[in-house]
Each structure stands twice: as structure tokens, then as C-alpha cells.
Amino acid sequence: MIKNSTIPTPIEMDELEALLIEFGILESDEEAEKLIAAENAAKATA
């Protein structure tokens, strides 16, 4: 039998996104744009 089970409290999408960015699981919008620009530049010069 499970004791002390806890139902998680839902959080807003903005809070979830901030946590994912903080822990390095998700890139921030600015970092994602930099990576895309770098990939496009590499493809253009290849």
C-alpha cells in the first residue's frame, strides 16, 4: 500500500519553461535563435 502519496500542484507554462531553461533542459529563445543562425550560416558557406 502506498503511504504519503502526494498529488502534484499544476504550474503555468511560463513557470515550467523557466524551470526547464534554468536546469539546462531547454534553450532560451535567444540561445535557440543563435544556434539556428549559426547552423544557417554553416549551410550557406558549405
PDB file of N, CA and C in Angstrom:
ATOM      1  N   MET A   1       0.845  -1.184   0.000  1.00  0.00           N
ATOM      2  CA  MET A   1       0.000   0.000   0.000  1.00  0.00           C
ATOM      3  C   MET A   1       0.888   1.244   0.000  1.00  0.00           C
ATOM      4  N   ILE A   2       0.489   2.225  -0.774  1.00  0.00           N
ATOM      5  CA  ILE A   2       1.258   3.467  -0.888  1.00  0.00           C
ATOM      6  C   ILE A   2       0.866   4.408   0.247  1.00  0.00           C
ATOM      7  N   LYS A   3       1.883   4.893   0.951  1.00  0.00           N
ATOM      8  CA  LYS A   3       1.644   5.851   2.026  1.00  0.00           C
ATOM      9  C   LYS A   3       2.203   7.205   1.619  1.00  0.00           C
ATOM     10  N   ASN A   4       1.655   8.250   2.167  1.00  0.00           N
ATOM     11  CA  ASN A   4       2.125   9.617   1.953  1.00  0.00           C
ATOM     12  C   ASN A   4       2.178  10.001   0.476  1.00  0.00           C
ATOM     13  N   SER A   5       1.217   9.533  -0.312  1.00  0.00           N
ATOM     14  CA  SER A   5       1.206   9.916  -1.725  1.00  0.00           C
ATOM     15  C   SER A   5       0.771  11.373  -1.848  1.00  0.00           C
ATOM     16  N   THR A   6       1.394  12.070  -2.791  1.00  0.00           N
ATOM     17  CA  THR A   6       1.150  13.496  -2.971  1.00  0.00           C
ATOM     18  C   THR A   6       0.680  13.756  -4.386  1.00  0.00           C
ATOM     19  N   ILE A   7      -0.338  14.564  -4.517  1.00  0.00           N
ATOM     20  CA  ILE A   7      -0.801  14.983  -5.834  1.00  0.00           C
ATOM     21  C   ILE A   7      -0.058  16.269  -6.180  1.00  0.00           C
ATOM     22  N   PRO A   8       0.682  16.284  -7.310  1.00  0.00           N
ATOM     23  CA  PRO A   8       1.450  17.488  -7.657  1.00  0.00           C
ATOM     24  C   PRO A   8       0.547  18.674  -7.982  1.00  0.00           C
ATOM     25  N   THR A   9       1.030  19.843  -7.656  1.00  0.00           N
ATOM     26  CA  THR A   9       0.305  21.073  -7.950  1.00  0.00           C
ATOM     27  C   THR A   9       0.654  21.528  -9.359  1.00  0.00           C
ATOM     28  N   PRO A  10      -0.343  21.770 -10.205  1.00  0.00           N
ATOM     29  CA  PRO A  10      -0.046  22.224 -11.569  1.00  0.00           C
ATOM     30  C   PRO A  10       0.635  23.594 -11.561  1.00  0.00           C
ATOM     31  N   ILE A  11       1.500  23.832 -12.558  1.00  0.00           N
ATOM     32  CA  ILE A  11       2.141  25.140 -12.691  1.00  0.00           C
ATOM     33  C   ILE A  11       1.845  25.689 -14.079  1.00  0.00           C
ATOM     34  N   GLU A  12       2.008  26.985 -14.222  1.00  0.00           N
ATOM     35  CA  GLU A  12       1.776  27.644 -15.503  1.00  0.00           C
ATOM     36  C   GLU A  12       2.886  27.271 -16.483  1.00  0.00           C
ATOM     37  N   MET A  13       2.603  27.367 -17.776  1.00  0.00           N
ATOM     38  CA  MET A  13       3.592  27.053 -18.809  1.00  0.00           C
ATOM     39  C   MET A  13       4.827  27.939 -18.694  1.00  0.00           C
ATOM     40  N   ASP A  14       4.638  29.210 -18.338  1.00  0.00           N
ATOM     41  CA  ASP A  14       5.778  30.121 -18.190  1.00  0.00           C
ATOM     42  C   ASP A  14       6.713  29.651 -17.075  1.00  0.00           C
ATOM     43  N   GLU A  15       6.120  29.182 -15.975  1.00  0.00           N
ATOM     44  CA  GLU A  15       6.928  28.674 -14.864  1.00  0.00           C
ATOM     45  C   GLU A  15       7.684  27.410 -15.272  1.00  0.00           C
ATOM     46  N   LEU A  16       6.999  26.527 -16.000  1.00  0.00           N
ATOM     47  CA  LEU A  16       7.626  25.298 -16.466  1.00  0.00           C
ATOM     48  C   LEU A  16       8.784  25.612 -17.403  1.00  0.00           C
ATOM     49  N   GLU A  17       8.564  26.526 -18.343  1.00  0.00           N
ATOM     50  CA  GLU A  17       9.617  26.910 -19.280  1.00  0.00           C
ATOM     51  C   GLU A  17      10.823  27.494 -18.538  1.00  0.00           C
ATOM     52  N   ALA A  18      10.575  28.331 -17.551  1.00  0.00           N
ATOM     53  CA  ALA A  18      11.666  28.923 -16.772  1.00  0.00           C
ATOM     54  C   ALA A  18      12.472  27.846 -16.045  1.00  0.00           C
ATOM     55  N   LEU A  19      11.790  26.859 -15.481  1.00  0.00           N
ATOM     56  CA  LEU A  19      12.493  25.770 -14.796  1.00  0.00           C
ATOM     57  C   LEU A  19      13.325  24.946 -15.774  1.00  0.00           C
ATOM     58  N   LEU A  20      12.762  24.638 -16.942  1.00  0.00           N
ATOM     59  CA  LEU A  20      13.488  23.853 -17.940  1.00  0.00           C
ATOM     60  C   LEU A  20      14.729  24.589 -18.425  1.00  0.00           C
ATOM     61  N   ILE A  21      14.615  25.895 -18.615  1.00  0.00           N
ATOM     62  CA  ILE A  21      15.773  26.702 -19.025  1.00  0.00           C
ATOM     63  C   ILE A  21      16.799  26.742 -17.900  1.00  0.00           C
ATOM     64  N   GLU A  22      16.333  26.929 -16.673  1.00  0.00           N
ATOM     65  CA  GLU A  22      17.237  27.012 -15.519  1.00  0.00           C
ATOM     66  C   GLU A  22      18.071  25.742 -15.361  1.00  0.00           C
ATOM     67  N   PHE A  23      17.456  24.589 -15.596  1.00  0.00           N
ATOM     68  CA  PHE A  23      18.165  23.325 -15.423  1.00  0.00           C
ATOM     69  C   PHE A  23      18.843  22.842 -16.702  1.00  0.00           C
ATOM     70  N   GLY A  24      18.816  23.661 -17.755  1.00  0.00           N
ATOM     71  CA  GLY A  24      19.537  23.323 -18.975  1.00  0.00           C
ATOM     72  C   GLY A  24      18.861  22.288 -19.848  1.00  0.00           C
ATOM     73  N   ILE A  25      17.596  22.027 -19.610  1.00  0.00           N
ATOM     74  CA  ILE A  25      16.875  21.046 -20.411  1.00  0.00           C
ATOM     75  C   ILE A  25      16.349  21.697 -21.688  1.00  0.00           C
ATOM     76  N   LEU A  26      16.066  22.975 -21.626  1.00  0.00           N
ATOM     77  CA  LEU A  26      15.520  23.724 -22.753  1.00  0.00           C
ATOM     78  C   LEU A  26      16.351  24.975 -22.950  1.00  0.00           C
ATOM     79  N   GLU A  27      16.615  25.315 -24.209  1.00  0.00           N
ATOM     80  CA  GLU A  27      17.360  26.538 -24.509  1.00  0.00           C
ATOM     81  C   GLU A  27      16.413  27.735 -24.429  1.00  0.00           C
ATOM     82  N   SER A  28      16.938  28.876 -24.025  1.00  0.00           N
ATOM     83  CA  SER A  28      16.129  30.088 -24.040  1.00  0.00           C
ATOM     84  C   SER A  28      15.904  30.497 -25.491  1.00  0.00           C
ATOM     85  N   ASP A  29      14.932  31.354 -25.735  1.00  0.00           N
ATOM     86  CA  ASP A  29      14.629  31.789 -27.099  1.00  0.00           C
ATOM     87  C   ASP A  29      15.839  32.435 -27.754  1.00  0.00           C
ATOM     88  N   GLU A  30      16.575  33.232 -26.982  1.00  0.00           N
ATOM     89  CA  GLU A  30      17.743  33.920 -27.533  1.00  0.00           C
ATOM     90  C   GLU A  30      18.818  32.913 -27.943  1.00  0.00           C
ATOM     91  N   GLU A  31      19.056  31.915 -27.098  1.00  0.00           N
ATOM     92  CA  GLU A  31      20.069  30.899 -27.406  1.00  0.00           C
ATOM     93  C   GLU A  31      19.642  30.067 -28.613  1.00  0.00           C
ATOM     94  N   ALA A  32      18.361  29.738 -28.694  1.00  0.00           N
ATOM     95  CA  ALA A  32      17.858  28.954 -29.824  1.00  0.00           C
ATOM     96  C   ALA A  32      18.040  29.724 -31.126  1.00  0.00           C
ATOM     97  N   GLU A  33      17.766  31.032 -31.113  1.00  0.00           N
ATOM     98  CA  GLU A  33      17.948  31.849 -32.313  1.00  0.00           C
ATOM     99  C   GLU A  33      19.412  31.889 -32.734  1.00  0.00           C
ATOM    100  N   LYS A  34      20.325  31.978 -31.766  1.00  0.00           N
ATOM    101  CA  LYS A  34      21.757  31.988 -32.078  1.00  0.00           C
ATOM    102  C   LYS A  34      22.177  30.673 -32.726  1.00  0.00           C
ATOM    103  N   LEU A  35      21.688  29.550 -32.194  1.00  0.00           N
ATOM    104  CA  LEU A  35      22.038  28.247 -32.746  1.00  0.00           C
ATOM    105  C   LEU A  35      21.507  28.083 -34.167  1.00  0.00           C
ATOM    106  N   ILE A  36      20.286  28.529 -34.405  1.00  0.00           N
ATOM    107  CA  ILE A  36      19.693  28.436 -35.745  1.00  0.00           C
ATOM    108  C   ILE A  36      20.465  29.298 -36.724  1.00  0.00           C
ATOM    109  N   ALA A  37      20.830  30.512 -36.310  1.00  0.00           N
ATOM    110  CA  ALA A  37      21.597  31.406 -37.178  1.00  0.00           C
ATOM    111  C   ALA A  37      22.955  30.795 -37.509  1.00  0.00           C
ATOM    112  N   ALA A  38      23.600  30.184 -36.535  1.00  0.00           N
ATOM    113  CA  ALA A  38      24.905  29.556 -36.763  1.00  0.00           C
ATOM    114  C   ALA A  38      24.780  28.376 -37.725  1.00  0.00           C
ATOM    115  N   GLU A  39      23.729  27.578 -37.576  1.00  0.00           N
ATOM    116  CA  GLU A  39      23.516  26.446 -38.480  1.00  0.00           C
ATOM    117  C   GLU A  39      23.249  26.929 -39.899  1.00  0.00           C
ATOM    118  N   ASN A  40      22.435  27.970 -40.038  1.00  0.00           N
ATOM    119  CA  ASN A  40      22.131  28.507 -41.366  1.00  0.00           C
ATOM    120  C   ASN A  40      23.375  29.092 -42.017  1.00  0.00           C
ATOM    121  N   ALA A  41      24.218  29.752 -41.237  1.00  0.00           N
ATOM    122  CA  ALA A  41      25.454  30.322 -41.769  1.00  0.00           C
ATOM    123  C   ALA A  41      26.392  29.208 -42.227  1.00  0.00           C
ATOM    124  N   ALA A  42      26.448  28.124 -41.469  1.00  0.00           N
ATOM    125  CA  ALA A  42      27.308  26.997 -41.838  1.00  0.00           C
ATOM    126  C   ALA A  42      26.820  26.345 -43.127  1.00  0.00           C
ATOM    127  N   LYS A  43      25.508  26.240 -43.282  1.00  0.00           N
ATOM    128  CA  LYS A  43      24.946  25.650 -44.507  1.00  0.00           C
ATOM    129  C   LYS A  43      25.201  26.555 -45.707  1.00  0.00           C
ATOM    130  N   ALA A  44      25.128  27.868 -45.501  1.00  0.00           N
ATOM    131  CA  ALA A  44      25.304  28.824 -46.597  1.00  0.00           C
ATOM    132  C   ALA A  44      26.743  28.826 -47.103  1.00  0.00           C
ATOM    133  N   THR A  45      27.704  28.601 -46.220  1.00  0.00           N
ATOM    134  CA  THR A  45      29.110  28.621 -46.626  1.00  0.00           C
ATOM    135  C   THR A  45      29.580  27.261 -47.134  1.00  0.00           C
ATOM    136  N   ALA A  46      28.800  26.227 -46.905  1.00  0.00           N
ATOM    137  CA  ALA A  46      29.207  24.871 -47.331  1.00  0.00           C
ATOM    138  C   ALA A  46      28.905  24.613 -48.784  1.00  0.00           C
TER     139      ALA A  46
END
